[in-house]
Amino acid sequence: MIYPSIDKLLTKVGSKYLLVNIVSKRAKEMIETDYYQMKENEYVSTKEIGKALEEVAKDLIHISE
């Protein structure tokens, strides 16, 4: 089971392509700046891509289309 689910994420973001773009940029930002919006122990994922997906799911990343 993948967390967070793609269905939940697509309700927050218009398309899969936009989701991939946003998450990849956020993951690169996490790697370069070591800045996280939640505490380290609040994330389920261990990798930055998963952490960025979790931030989208929790509405911590706002998308303006």
Protein backbone atom coordinates (compact mmCIF):
# COMPACT_ATOMS: atom_id res chain seq x y z
CA MET A 1 0.00 0.00 0.00
CA ILE A 2 1.40 3.37 -1.00
CA TYR A 3 1.01 6.24 1.45
CA PRO A 4 -0.48 8.73 0.71
CA SER A 5 -2.77 7.28 -1.93
CA ILE A 6 -2.78 8.71 -5.44
CA ASP A 7 -6.56 9.19 -5.29
CA LYS A 8 -6.28 11.44 -2.24
CA LEU A 9 -3.46 13.43 -3.83
CA LEU A 10 -5.33 13.95 -7.10
CA THR A 11 -8.20 15.60 -5.21
CA LYS A 12 -5.72 18.25 -4.06
CA VAL A 13 -3.85 18.64 -7.36
CA GLY A 14 -5.44 18.84 -10.80
CA SER A 15 -3.35 16.25 -12.65
CA LYS A 16 -0.68 13.61 -12.20
CA TYR A 17 1.78 15.67 -14.23
CA LEU A 18 1.37 18.71 -12.00
CA LEU A 19 1.74 16.51 -8.94
CA VAL A 20 5.01 15.06 -10.22
CA ASN A 21 6.34 18.52 -11.02
CA ILE A 22 5.46 19.95 -7.60
CA VAL A 23 6.74 16.98 -5.64
CA SER A 24 10.03 16.78 -7.52
CA LYS A 25 10.72 20.48 -6.94
CA ARG A 26 9.85 20.19 -3.25
CA ALA A 27 12.03 17.10 -2.81
CA LYS A 28 15.00 18.88 -4.41
CA GLU A 29 14.39 21.83 -2.10
CA MET A 30 14.41 19.51 0.93
CA ILE A 31 17.70 17.98 -0.14
CA GLU A 32 19.41 21.31 -0.87
CA THR A 33 18.20 23.35 2.10
CA ASP A 34 17.40 20.64 4.68
CA TYR A 35 14.13 22.49 5.43
CA TYR A 36 11.08 20.43 6.40
CA GLN A 37 7.58 21.70 7.17
CA MET A 38 6.90 19.03 9.76
CA LYS A 39 9.07 17.48 12.45
CA GLU A 40 11.21 14.58 11.29
CA ASN A 41 9.31 12.05 13.41
CA GLU A 42 5.92 13.12 11.94
CA TYR A 43 6.76 11.80 8.47
CA VAL A 44 5.89 8.22 7.54
CA SER A 45 8.33 8.13 4.61
CA THR A 46 12.06 8.14 4.94
CA LYS A 47 12.85 9.57 1.49
CA GLU A 48 12.31 13.15 0.40
CA ILE A 49 9.88 12.24 -2.42
CA GLY A 50 7.60 10.51 0.06
CA LYS A 51 7.89 13.39 2.50
CA ALA A 52 6.93 15.86 -0.23
CA LEU A 53 3.91 13.72 -1.11
CA GLU A 54 2.87 13.72 2.54
CA GLU A 55 3.13 17.52 2.62
CA VAL A 56 0.83 17.75 -0.39
CA ALA A 57 -1.64 15.38 1.26
CA LYS A 58 -1.68 17.48 4.45
CA ASP A 59 -2.17 20.74 2.48
CA LEU A 60 1.20 22.14 3.56
CA ILE A 61 2.06 22.91 -0.06
CA HIS A 62 -0.32 25.29 -1.78
CA ILE A 63 -0.70 25.12 -5.53
CA SER A 64 -1.73 28.12 -7.58
CA GLU A 65 -2.63 27.10 -11.12
